[in-house]
Amino acid sequence: MYSEIIFLYYFNDLTGAMLTSMIFCLVTFLGSIVATHLPELWYGIGVVIGAFCGWTFAYFRIRFMERNLDAHIFCKGSLLKPGMGTQPPGQVYSRAEQAAAEAPAAR
């Protein structure tokens, strides 16, 4: 289950990672409360059920992300932070400016 949470982070699905963790914690808590009324052999059943529920939810969330991967990659987010302002110059390097900057240093 923990590796699935990391995969959800990798796909930038923070909501899915949070829901997976919350489902695990909630089901483990409730399962542990119920297990206190069972024999000592079953005290750990809450963690097992919680891990299974968290893993199952994360599995289907990752499966949904992989099926809709094209829409996730090409339709959400941007590579550059959008903002208003002047456009930077298109020229990156100029030999004349570089030579002028190096000329006083060479003397």
PDB file of N, CA and C in Angstrom:
ATOM      1  N   MET A   1       0.820  -1.182   0.000  1.00  0.00           N
ATOM      2  CA  MET A   1       0.000   0.000   0.000  1.00  0.00           C
ATOM      3  C   MET A   1       0.868   1.252   0.000  1.00  0.00           C
ATOM      4  N   TYR A   2       1.981   1.226   0.694  1.00  0.00           N
ATOM      5  CA  TYR A   2       2.827   2.414   0.754  1.00  0.00           C
ATOM      6  C   TYR A   2       3.430   2.727  -0.610  1.00  0.00           C
ATOM      7  N   SER A   3       3.781   1.706  -1.360  1.00  0.00           N
ATOM      8  CA  SER A   3       4.307   1.960  -2.706  1.00  0.00           C
ATOM      9  C   SER A   3       3.221   2.536  -3.606  1.00  0.00           C
ATOM     10  N   GLU A   4       1.988   2.144  -3.402  1.00  0.00           N
ATOM     11  CA  GLU A   4       0.897   2.723  -4.194  1.00  0.00           C
ATOM     12  C   GLU A   4       0.703   4.195  -3.857  1.00  0.00           C
ATOM     13  N   ILE A   5       0.892   4.571  -2.615  1.00  0.00           N
ATOM     14  CA  ILE A   5       0.802   5.988  -2.251  1.00  0.00           C
ATOM     15  C   ILE A   5       1.903   6.770  -2.956  1.00  0.00           C
ATOM     16  N   ILE A   6       3.088   6.203  -3.039  1.00  0.00           N
ATOM     17  CA  ILE A   6       4.180   6.872  -3.752  1.00  0.00           C
ATOM     18  C   ILE A   6       3.849   6.983  -5.233  1.00  0.00           C
ATOM     19  N   PHE A   7       3.246   5.956  -5.818  1.00  0.00           N
ATOM     20  CA  PHE A   7       2.825   6.051  -7.220  1.00  0.00           C
ATOM     21  C   PHE A   7       1.769   7.137  -7.399  1.00  0.00           C
ATOM     22  N   LEU A   8       0.867   7.264  -6.451  1.00  0.00           N
ATOM     23  CA  LEU A   8      -0.139   8.325  -6.535  1.00  0.00           C
ATOM     24  C   LEU A   8       0.527   9.698  -6.471  1.00  0.00           C
ATOM     25  N   TYR A   9       1.547   9.842  -5.626  1.00  0.00           N
ATOM     26  CA  TYR A   9       2.311  11.092  -5.611  1.00  0.00           C
ATOM     27  C   TYR A   9       2.992  11.317  -6.957  1.00  0.00           C
ATOM     28  N   TYR A  10       3.522  10.256  -7.541  1.00  0.00           N
ATOM     29  CA  TYR A  10       4.210  10.363  -8.829  1.00  0.00           C
ATOM     30  C   TYR A  10       3.263  10.864  -9.916  1.00  0.00           C
ATOM     31  N   PHE A  11       2.025  10.406  -9.889  1.00  0.00           N
ATOM     32  CA  PHE A  11       1.030  10.852 -10.863  1.00  0.00           C
ATOM     33  C   PHE A  11       0.371  12.170 -10.436  1.00  0.00           C
ATOM     34  N   ASN A  12       0.889  12.787  -9.387  1.00  0.00           N
ATOM     35  CA  ASN A  12       0.391  14.064  -8.877  1.00  0.00           C
ATOM     36  C   ASN A  12      -1.071  13.954  -8.435  1.00  0.00           C
ATOM     37  N   ASP A  13      -1.423  12.818  -7.884  1.00  0.00           N
ATOM     38  CA  ASP A  13      -2.775  12.598  -7.374  1.00  0.00           C
ATOM     39  C   ASP A  13      -2.731  12.706  -5.850  1.00  0.00           C
ATOM     40  N   LEU A  14      -2.607  13.925  -5.371  1.00  0.00           N
ATOM     41  CA  LEU A  14      -2.495  14.144  -3.933  1.00  0.00           C
ATOM     42  C   LEU A  14      -3.794  13.803  -3.209  1.00  0.00           C
ATOM     43  N   THR A  15      -4.921  14.039  -3.868  1.00  0.00           N
ATOM     44  CA  THR A  15      -6.208  13.689  -3.268  1.00  0.00           C
ATOM     45  C   THR A  15      -6.315  12.181  -3.077  1.00  0.00           C
ATOM     46  N   GLY A  16      -5.902  11.417  -4.084  1.00  0.00           N
ATOM     47  CA  GLY A  16      -5.939   9.962  -3.975  1.00  0.00           C
ATOM     48  C   GLY A  16      -5.019   9.444  -2.887  1.00  0.00           C
ATOM     49  N   ALA A  17      -3.830  10.043  -2.757  1.00  0.00           N
ATOM     50  CA  ALA A  17      -2.900   9.623  -1.711  1.00  0.00           C
ATOM     51  C   ALA A  17      -3.467   9.921  -0.325  1.00  0.00           C
ATOM     52  N   MET A  18      -4.100  11.097  -0.187  1.00  0.00           N
ATOM     53  CA  MET A  18      -4.691  11.450   1.099  1.00  0.00           C
ATOM     54  C   MET A  18      -5.872  10.543   1.431  1.00  0.00           C
ATOM     55  N   LEU A  19      -6.733  10.284   0.436  1.00  0.00           N
ATOM     56  CA  LEU A  19      -7.886   9.413   0.679  1.00  0.00           C
ATOM     57  C   LEU A  19      -7.447   7.988   1.013  1.00  0.00           C
ATOM     58  N   THR A  20      -6.410   7.500   0.341  1.00  0.00           N
ATOM     59  CA  THR A  20      -5.890   6.164   0.642  1.00  0.00           C
ATOM     60  C   THR A  20      -5.422   6.089   2.087  1.00  0.00           C
ATOM     61  N   SER A  21      -4.687   7.102   2.522  1.00  0.00           N
ATOM     62  CA  SER A  21      -4.195   7.122   3.904  1.00  0.00           C
ATOM     63  C   SER A  21      -5.334   7.230   4.907  1.00  0.00           C
ATOM     64  N   MET A  22      -6.315   8.064   4.588  1.00  0.00           N
ATOM     65  CA  MET A  22      -7.448   8.231   5.500  1.00  0.00           C
ATOM     66  C   MET A  22      -8.279   6.950   5.597  1.00  0.00           C
ATOM     67  N   ILE A  23      -8.483   6.279   4.470  1.00  0.00           N
ATOM     68  CA  ILE A  23      -9.229   5.013   4.488  1.00  0.00           C
ATOM     69  C   ILE A  23      -8.490   3.981   5.325  1.00  0.00           C
ATOM     70  N   PHE A  24      -7.169   3.898   5.132  1.00  0.00           N
ATOM     71  CA  PHE A  24      -6.378   2.956   5.921  1.00  0.00           C
ATOM     72  C   PHE A  24      -6.518   3.253   7.415  1.00  0.00           C
ATOM     73  N   CYS A  25      -6.342   4.512   7.793  1.00  0.00           N
ATOM     74  CA  CYS A  25      -6.406   4.866   9.219  1.00  0.00           C
ATOM     75  C   CYS A  25      -7.794   4.624   9.802  1.00  0.00           C
ATOM     76  N   LEU A  26      -8.815   5.024   9.084  1.00  0.00           N
ATOM     77  CA  LEU A  26     -10.183   4.886   9.594  1.00  0.00           C
ATOM     78  C   LEU A  26     -10.586   3.418   9.737  1.00  0.00           C
ATOM     79  N   VAL A  27     -10.326   2.621   8.708  1.00  0.00           N
ATOM     80  CA  VAL A  27     -10.705   1.204   8.768  1.00  0.00           C
ATOM     81  C   VAL A  27      -9.865   0.468   9.809  1.00  0.00           C
ATOM     82  N   THR A  28      -8.588   0.816   9.927  1.00  0.00           N
ATOM     83  CA  THR A  28      -7.748   0.199  10.953  1.00  0.00           C
ATOM     84  C   THR A  28      -8.268   0.538  12.348  1.00  0.00           C
ATOM     85  N   PHE A  29      -8.647   1.793  12.546  1.00  0.00           N
ATOM     86  CA  PHE A  29      -9.188   2.209  13.849  1.00  0.00           C
ATOM     87  C   PHE A  29     -10.472   1.453  14.181  1.00  0.00           C
ATOM     88  N   LEU A  30     -11.399   1.437  13.234  1.00  0.00           N
ATOM     89  CA  LEU A  30     -12.672   0.750  13.481  1.00  0.00           C
ATOM     90  C   LEU A  30     -12.475  -0.757  13.632  1.00  0.00           C
ATOM     91  N   GLY A  31     -11.610  -1.336  12.804  1.00  0.00           N
ATOM     92  CA  GLY A  31     -11.341  -2.769  12.910  1.00  0.00           C
ATOM     93  C   GLY A  31     -10.672  -3.136  14.222  1.00  0.00           C
ATOM     94  N   SER A  32      -9.812  -2.249  14.723  1.00  0.00           N
ATOM     95  CA  SER A  32      -9.154  -2.516  16.005  1.00  0.00           C
ATOM     96  C   SER A  32     -10.136  -2.429  17.167  1.00  0.00           C
ATOM     97  N   ILE A  33     -11.079  -1.501  17.068  1.00  0.00           N
ATOM     98  CA  ILE A  33     -12.102  -1.407  18.121  1.00  0.00           C
ATOM     99  C   ILE A  33     -12.959  -2.669  18.132  1.00  0.00           C
ATOM    100  N   VAL A  34     -13.347  -3.131  16.961  1.00  0.00           N
ATOM    101  CA  VAL A  34     -14.144  -4.363  16.882  1.00  0.00           C
ATOM    102  C   VAL A  34     -13.320  -5.554  17.357  1.00  0.00           C
ATOM    103  N   ALA A  35     -12.023  -5.564  17.050  1.00  0.00           N
ATOM    104  CA  ALA A  35     -11.170  -6.702  17.410  1.00  0.00           C
ATOM    105  C   ALA A  35     -10.963  -6.821  18.914  1.00  0.00           C
ATOM    106  N   THR A  36     -11.183  -5.746  19.658  1.00  0.00           N
ATOM    107  CA  THR A  36     -11.030  -5.852  21.119  1.00  0.00           C
ATOM    108  C   THR A  36     -12.098  -6.750  21.743  1.00  0.00           C
ATOM    109  N   HIS A  37     -13.187  -6.984  21.027  1.00  0.00           N
ATOM    110  CA  HIS A  37     -14.248  -7.868  21.524  1.00  0.00           C
ATOM    111  C   HIS A  37     -14.047  -9.314  21.064  1.00  0.00           C
ATOM    112  N   LEU A  38     -12.989  -9.557  20.321  1.00  0.00           N
ATOM    113  CA  LEU A  38     -12.679 -10.903  19.821  1.00  0.00           C
ATOM    114  C   LEU A  38     -11.565 -11.506  20.667  1.00  0.00           C
ATOM    115  N   PRO A  39     -11.284 -12.797  20.500  1.00  0.00           N
ATOM    116  CA  PRO A  39     -10.155 -13.400  21.220  1.00  0.00           C
ATOM    117  C   PRO A  39      -8.827 -12.727  20.839  1.00  0.00           C
ATOM    118  N   GLU A  40      -7.828 -12.907  21.686  1.00  0.00           N
ATOM    119  CA  GLU A  40      -6.528 -12.252  21.496  1.00  0.00           C
ATOM    120  C   GLU A  40      -5.884 -12.579  20.157  1.00  0.00           C
ATOM    121  N   LEU A  41      -6.187 -13.709  19.607  1.00  0.00           N
ATOM    122  CA  LEU A  41      -5.625 -14.111  18.324  1.00  0.00           C
ATOM    123  C   LEU A  41      -5.981 -13.123  17.218  1.00  0.00           C
ATOM    124  N   TRP A  42      -7.107 -12.452  17.323  1.00  0.00           N
ATOM    125  CA  TRP A  42      -7.623 -11.580  16.262  1.00  0.00           C
ATOM    126  C   TRP A  42      -7.357 -10.098  16.503  1.00  0.00           C
ATOM    127  N   TYR A  43      -6.505  -9.742  17.454  1.00  0.00           N
ATOM    128  CA  TYR A  43      -6.272  -8.328  17.759  1.00  0.00           C
ATOM    129  C   TYR A  43      -5.652  -7.564  16.583  1.00  0.00           C
ATOM    130  N   GLY A  44      -4.917  -8.208  15.724  1.00  0.00           N
ATOM    131  CA  GLY A  44      -4.283  -7.533  14.586  1.00  0.00           C
ATOM    132  C   GLY A  44      -5.127  -7.484  13.330  1.00  0.00           C
ATOM    133  N   ILE A  45      -6.347  -7.998  13.395  1.00  0.00           N
ATOM    134  CA  ILE A  45      -7.185  -8.069  12.196  1.00  0.00           C
ATOM    135  C   ILE A  45      -7.567  -6.678  11.687  1.00  0.00           C
ATOM    136  N   GLY A  46      -7.608  -5.683  12.558  1.00  0.00           N
ATOM    137  CA  GLY A  46      -7.933  -4.322  12.126  1.00  0.00           C
ATOM    138  C   GLY A  46      -6.908  -3.773  11.154  1.00  0.00           C
ATOM    139  N   VAL A  47      -5.634  -4.038  11.409  1.00  0.00           N
ATOM    140  CA  VAL A  47      -4.572  -3.572  10.513  1.00  0.00           C
ATOM    141  C   VAL A  47      -4.647  -4.303   9.179  1.00  0.00           C
ATOM    142  N   VAL A  48      -4.934  -5.586   9.216  1.00  0.00           N
ATOM    143  CA  VAL A  48      -5.032  -6.363   7.976  1.00  0.00           C
ATOM    144  C   VAL A  48      -6.186  -5.851   7.116  1.00  0.00           C
ATOM    145  N   ILE A  49      -7.326  -5.640   7.725  1.00  0.00           N
ATOM    146  CA  ILE A  49      -8.485  -5.150   6.970  1.00  0.00           C
ATOM    147  C   ILE A  49      -8.235  -3.726   6.475  1.00  0.00           C
ATOM    148  N   GLY A  50      -7.623  -2.879   7.315  1.00  0.00           N
ATOM    149  CA  GLY A  50      -7.307  -1.513   6.904  1.00  0.00           C
ATOM    150  C   GLY A  50      -6.329  -1.476   5.748  1.00  0.00           C
ATOM    151  N   ALA A  51      -5.309  -2.329   5.797  1.00  0.00           N
ATOM    152  CA  ALA A  51      -4.340  -2.381   4.701  1.00  0.00           C
ATOM    153  C   ALA A  51      -4.998  -2.865   3.417  1.00  0.00           C
ATOM    154  N   PHE A  52      -5.885  -3.848   3.530  1.00  0.00           N
ATOM    155  CA  PHE A  52      -6.575  -4.346   2.343  1.00  0.00           C
ATOM    156  C   PHE A  52      -7.468  -3.267   1.732  1.00  0.00           C
ATOM    157  N   CYS A  53      -8.211  -2.557   2.565  1.00  0.00           N
ATOM    158  CA  CYS A  53      -9.100  -1.501   2.045  1.00  0.00           C
ATOM    159  C   CYS A  53      -8.295  -0.364   1.424  1.00  0.00           C
ATOM    160  N   GLY A  54      -7.215   0.052   2.077  1.00  0.00           N
ATOM    161  CA  GLY A  54      -6.372   1.111   1.522  1.00  0.00           C
ATOM    162  C   GLY A  54      -5.727   0.690   0.219  1.00  0.00           C
ATOM    163  N   TRP A  55      -5.222  -0.546   0.174  1.00  0.00           N
ATOM    164  CA  TRP A  55      -4.590  -1.043  -1.048  1.00  0.00           C
ATOM    165  C   TRP A  55      -5.597  -1.124  -2.188  1.00  0.00           C
ATOM    166  N   THR A  56      -6.793  -1.610  -1.900  1.00  0.00           N
ATOM    167  CA  THR A  56      -7.819  -1.743  -2.935  1.00  0.00           C
ATOM    168  C   THR A  56      -8.212  -0.378  -3.493  1.00  0.00           C
ATOM    169  N   PHE A  57      -8.413   0.600  -2.617  1.00  0.00           N
ATOM    170  CA  PHE A  57      -8.769   1.942  -3.086  1.00  0.00           C
ATOM    171  C   PHE A  57      -7.652   2.533  -3.945  1.00  0.00           C
ATOM    172  N   ALA A  58      -6.401   2.415  -3.475  1.00  0.00           N
ATOM    173  CA  ALA A  58      -5.272   2.967  -4.231  1.00  0.00           C
ATOM    174  C   ALA A  58      -5.097   2.248  -5.562  1.00  0.00           C
ATOM    175  N   TYR A  59      -5.335   0.948  -5.592  1.00  0.00           N
ATOM    176  CA  TYR A  59      -5.209   0.189  -6.835  1.00  0.00           C
ATOM    177  C   TYR A  59      -6.173   0.718  -7.890  1.00  0.00           C
ATOM    178  N   PHE A  60      -7.426   0.889  -7.508  1.00  0.00           N
ATOM    179  CA  PHE A  60      -8.407   1.373  -8.481  1.00  0.00           C
ATOM    180  C   PHE A  60      -8.166   2.834  -8.845  1.00  0.00           C
ATOM    181  N   ARG A  61      -7.622   3.615  -7.928  1.00  0.00           N
ATOM    182  CA  ARG A  61      -7.291   5.010  -8.239  1.00  0.00           C
ATOM    183  C   ARG A  61      -6.140   5.069  -9.249  1.00  0.00           C
ATOM    184  N   ILE A  62      -5.110   4.255  -9.057  1.00  0.00           N
ATOM    185  CA  ILE A  62      -3.991   4.212 -10.008  1.00  0.00           C
ATOM    186  C   ILE A  62      -4.461   3.672 -11.348  1.00  0.00           C
ATOM    187  N   ARG A  63      -5.315   2.680 -11.310  1.00  0.00           N
ATOM    188  CA  ARG A  63      -5.848   2.120 -12.558  1.00  0.00           C
ATOM    189  C   ARG A  63      -6.623   3.177 -13.337  1.00  0.00           C
ATOM    190  N   PHE A  64      -7.404   3.992 -12.646  1.00  0.00           N
ATOM    191  CA  PHE A  64      -8.126   5.088 -13.298  1.00  0.00           C
ATOM    192  C   PHE A  64      -7.143   6.106 -13.883  1.00  0.00           C
ATOM    193  N   MET A  65      -6.088   6.424 -13.127  1.00  0.00           N
ATOM    194  CA  MET A  65      -5.094   7.393 -13.612  1.00  0.00           C
ATOM    195  C   MET A  65      -4.397   6.872 -14.864  1.00  0.00           C
ATOM    196  N   GLU A  66      -4.059   5.593 -14.889  1.00  0.00           N
ATOM    197  CA  GLU A  66      -3.372   5.038 -16.053  1.00  0.00           C
ATOM    198  C   GLU A  66      -4.277   4.975 -17.275  1.00  0.00           C
ATOM    199  N   ARG A  67      -5.548   4.728 -17.072  1.00  0.00           N
ATOM    200  CA  ARG A  67      -6.471   4.694 -18.213  1.00  0.00           C
ATOM    201  C   ARG A  67      -6.704   6.084 -18.788  1.00  0.00           C
ATOM    202  N   ASN A  68      -6.604   7.104 -17.968  1.00  0.00           N
ATOM    203  CA  ASN A  68      -6.808   8.483 -18.410  1.00  0.00           C
ATOM    204  C   ASN A  68      -5.499   9.265 -18.402  1.00  0.00           C
ATOM    205  N   LEU A  69      -4.405   8.576 -18.687  1.00  0.00           N
ATOM    206  CA  LEU A  69      -3.089   9.198 -18.596  1.00  0.00           C
ATOM    207  C   LEU A  69      -2.903  10.314 -19.612  1.00  0.00           C
ATOM    208  N   ASP A  70      -3.413  10.138 -20.827  1.00  0.00           N
ATOM    209  CA  ASP A  70      -3.263  11.178 -21.843  1.00  0.00           C
ATOM    210  C   ASP A  70      -3.936  12.471 -21.408  1.00  0.00           C
ATOM    211  N   ALA A  71      -5.142  12.376 -20.915  1.00  0.00           N
ATOM    212  CA  ALA A  71      -5.854  13.577 -20.460  1.00  0.00           C
ATOM    213  C   ALA A  71      -5.141  14.199 -19.266  1.00  0.00           C
ATOM    214  N   HIS A  72      -4.583  13.366 -18.392  1.00  0.00           N
ATOM    215  CA  HIS A  72      -3.892  13.876 -17.213  1.00  0.00           C
ATOM    216  C   HIS A  72      -2.619  14.623 -17.606  1.00  0.00           C
ATOM    217  N   ILE A  73      -1.883  14.096 -18.573  1.00  0.00           N
ATOM    218  CA  ILE A  73      -0.613  14.706 -18.964  1.00  0.00           C
ATOM    219  C   ILE A  73      -0.825  15.950 -19.807  1.00  0.00           C
ATOM    220  N   PHE A  74      -1.697  15.871 -20.805  1.00  0.00           N
ATOM    221  CA  PHE A  74      -1.797  16.945 -21.781  1.00  0.00           C
ATOM    222  C   PHE A  74      -2.837  18.006 -21.452  1.00  0.00           C
ATOM    223  N   CYS A  75      -3.734  17.759 -20.526  1.00  0.00           N
ATOM    224  CA  CYS A  75      -4.808  18.720 -20.266  1.00  0.00           C
ATOM    225  C   CYS A  75      -4.700  19.410 -18.915  1.00  0.00           C
ATOM    226  N   LYS A  76      -3.888  18.912 -18.020  1.00  0.00           N
ATOM    227  CA  LYS A  76      -3.783  19.517 -16.698  1.00  0.00           C
ATOM    228  C   LYS A  76      -2.393  20.107 -16.519  1.00  0.00           C
ATOM    229  N   GLY A  77      -2.348  21.210 -15.804  1.00  0.00           N
ATOM    230  CA  GLY A  77      -1.071  21.797 -15.453  1.00  0.00           C
ATOM    231  C   GLY A  77      -0.388  22.481 -16.623  1.00  0.00           C
ATOM    232  N   SER A  78       0.755  23.048 -16.334  1.00  0.00           N
ATOM    233  CA  SER A  78       1.557  23.687 -17.367  1.00  0.00           C
ATOM    234  C   SER A  78       3.018  23.570 -16.965  1.00  0.00           C
ATOM    235  N   LEU A  79       3.889  23.659 -17.950  1.00  0.00           N
ATOM    236  CA  LEU A  79       5.311  23.558 -17.669  1.00  0.00           C
ATOM    237  C   LEU A  79       5.857  24.844 -17.063  1.00  0.00           C
ATOM    238  N   LEU A  80       5.333  25.977 -17.520  1.00  0.00           N
ATOM    239  CA  LEU A  80       5.779  27.267 -17.021  1.00  0.00           C
ATOM    240  C   LEU A  80       4.655  27.930 -16.242  1.00  0.00           C
ATOM    241  N   LYS A  81       5.030  28.661 -15.226  1.00  0.00           N
ATOM    242  CA  LYS A  81       4.033  29.364 -14.433  1.00  0.00           C
ATOM    243  C   LYS A  81       3.492  30.531 -15.259  1.00  0.00           C
ATOM    244  N   PRO A  82       2.182  30.557 -15.484  1.00  0.00           N
ATOM    245  CA  PRO A  82       1.637  31.657 -16.278  1.00  0.00           C
ATOM    246  C   PRO A  82       1.698  32.965 -15.494  1.00  0.00           C
ATOM    247  N   GLY A  83       1.962  34.030 -16.201  1.00  0.00           N
ATOM    248  CA  GLY A  83       2.030  35.326 -15.548  1.00  0.00           C
ATOM    249  C   GLY A  83       1.959  36.445 -16.563  1.00  0.00           C
ATOM    250  N   MET A  84       1.706  37.620 -16.084  1.00  0.00           N
ATOM    251  CA  MET A  84       1.630  38.798 -16.939  1.00  0.00           C
ATOM    252  C   MET A  84       2.957  39.546 -16.848  1.00  0.00           C
ATOM    253  N   GLY A  85       3.316  40.214 -17.924  1.00  0.00           N
ATOM    254  CA  GLY A  85       4.547  40.991 -17.938  1.00  0.00           C
ATOM    255  C   GLY A  85       5.110  41.048 -19.341  1.00  0.00           C
ATOM    256  N   THR A  86       6.298  41.596 -19.440  1.00  0.00           N
ATOM    257  CA  THR A  86       6.930  41.704 -20.752  1.00  0.00           C
ATOM    258  C   THR A  86       7.573  40.380 -21.125  1.00  0.00           C
ATOM    259  N   GLN A  87       7.594  40.131 -22.395  1.00  0.00           N
ATOM    260  CA  GLN A  87       8.187  38.901 -22.894  1.00  0.00           C
ATOM    261  C   GLN A  87       9.704  39.043 -22.880  1.00  0.00           C
ATOM    262  N   PRO A  88      10.429  38.047 -22.402  1.00  0.00           N
ATOM    263  CA  PRO A  88      11.888  38.138 -22.411  1.00  0.00           C
ATOM    264  C   PRO A  88      12.401  38.134 -23.846  1.00  0.00           C
ATOM    265  N   PRO A  89      13.598  38.685 -24.065  1.00  0.00           N
ATOM    266  CA  PRO A  89      14.122  38.738 -25.437  1.00  0.00           C
ATOM    267  C   PRO A  89      14.381  37.340 -25.981  1.00  0.00           C
ATOM    268  N   GLY A  90      14.245  37.212 -27.285  1.00  0.00           N
ATOM    269  CA  GLY A  90      14.467  35.926 -27.933  1.00  0.00           C
ATOM    270  C   GLY A  90      15.943  35.603 -28.106  1.00  0.00           C
ATOM    271  N   GLN A  91      16.805  36.633 -28.088  1.00  0.00           N
ATOM    272  CA  GLN A  91      18.242  36.415 -28.277  1.00  0.00           C
ATOM    273  C   GLN A  91      18.863  36.033 -26.939  1.00  0.00           C
ATOM    274  N   VAL A  92      19.555  34.914 -26.935  1.00  0.00           N
ATOM    275  CA  VAL A  92      20.144  34.409 -25.706  1.00  0.00           C
ATOM    276  C   VAL A  92      21.608  34.803 -25.592  1.00  0.00           C
ATOM    277  N   TYR A  93      22.314  34.788 -26.709  1.00  0.00           N
ATOM    278  CA  TYR A  93      23.760  35.000 -26.681  1.00  0.00           C
ATOM    279  C   TYR A  93      24.149  35.903 -27.840  1.00  0.00           C
ATOM    280  N   SER A  94      25.063  36.830 -27.596  1.00  0.00           N
ATOM    281  CA  SER A  94      25.565  37.719 -28.639  1.00  0.00           C
ATOM    282  C   SER A  94      27.080  37.760 -28.545  1.00  0.00           C
ATOM    283  N   ARG A  95      27.760  37.432 -29.656  1.00  0.00           N
ATOM    284  CA  ARG A  95      29.227  37.458 -29.652  1.00  0.00           C
ATOM    285  C   ARG A  95      29.747  38.876 -29.461  1.00  0.00           C
ATOM    286  N   ALA A  96      29.066  39.856 -30.036  1.00  0.00           N
ATOM    287  CA  ALA A  96      29.525  41.240 -29.910  1.00  0.00           C
ATOM    288  C   ALA A  96      29.479  41.694 -28.452  1.00  0.00           C
ATOM    289  N   GLU A  97      28.414  41.393 -27.755  1.00  0.00           N
ATOM    290  CA  GLU A  97      28.313  41.771 -26.342  1.00  0.00           C
ATOM    291  C   GLU A  97      29.339  41.017 -25.502  1.00  0.00           C
ATOM    292  N   GLN A  98      29.567  39.764 -25.821  1.00  0.00           N
ATOM    293  CA  GLN A  98      30.546  38.968 -25.081  1.00  0.00           C
ATOM    294  C   GLN A  98      31.951  39.513 -25.303  1.00  0.00           C
ATOM    295  N   ALA A  99      32.273  39.866 -26.555  1.00  0.00           N
ATOM    296  CA  ALA A  99      33.598  40.419 -26.858  1.00  0.00           C
ATOM    297  C   ALA A  99      33.784  41.768 -26.174  1.00  0.00           C
ATOM    298  N   ALA A 100      32.749  42.605 -26.132  1.00  0.00           N
ATOM    299  CA  ALA A 100      32.841  43.906 -25.472  1.00  0.00           C
ATOM    300  C   ALA A 100      33.027  43.737 -23.965  1.00  0.00           C
ATOM    301  N   ALA A 101      32.406  42.746 -23.395  1.00  0.00           N
ATOM    302  CA  ALA A 101      32.542  42.508 -21.958  1.00  0.00           C
ATOM    303  C   ALA A 101      33.919  41.968 -21.609  1.00  0.00           C
ATOM    304  N   GLU A 102      34.544  41.211 -22.507  1.00  0.00           N
ATOM    305  CA  GLU A 102      35.859  40.625 -22.243  1.00  0.00           C
ATOM    306  C   GLU A 102      36.992  41.574 -22.588  1.00  0.00           C
ATOM    307  N   ALA A 103      36.775  42.588 -23.421  1.00  0.00           N
ATOM    308  CA  ALA A 103      37.838  43.484 -23.877  1.00  0.00           C
ATOM    309  C   ALA A 103      38.497  44.241 -22.727  1.00  0.00           C
ATOM    310  N   PRO A 104      37.785  44.870 -21.806  1.00  0.00           N
ATOM    311  CA  PRO A 104      38.484  45.576 -20.718  1.00  0.00           C
ATOM    312  C   PRO A 104      39.217  44.614 -19.784  1.00  0.00           C
ATOM    313  N   ALA A 105      38.735  43.424 -19.646  1.00  0.00           N
ATOM    314  CA  ALA A 105      39.382  42.457 -18.759  1.00  0.00           C
ATOM    315  C   ALA A 105      40.684  41.948 -19.355  1.00  0.00           C
ATOM    316  N   ALA A 106      40.810  41.961 -20.681  1.00  0.00           N
ATOM    317  CA  ALA A 106      42.011  41.433 -21.334  1.00  0.00           C
ATOM    318  C   ALA A 106      43.171  42.412 -21.248  1.00  0.00           C
ATOM    319  N   ARG A 107      42.963  43.696 -21.073  1.00  0.00           N
ATOM    320  CA  ARG A 107      44.039  44.704 -21.034  1.00  0.00           C
ATOM    321  C   ARG A 107      44.785  44.641 -19.776  1.00  0.00           C
TER     322      ARG A 107
END
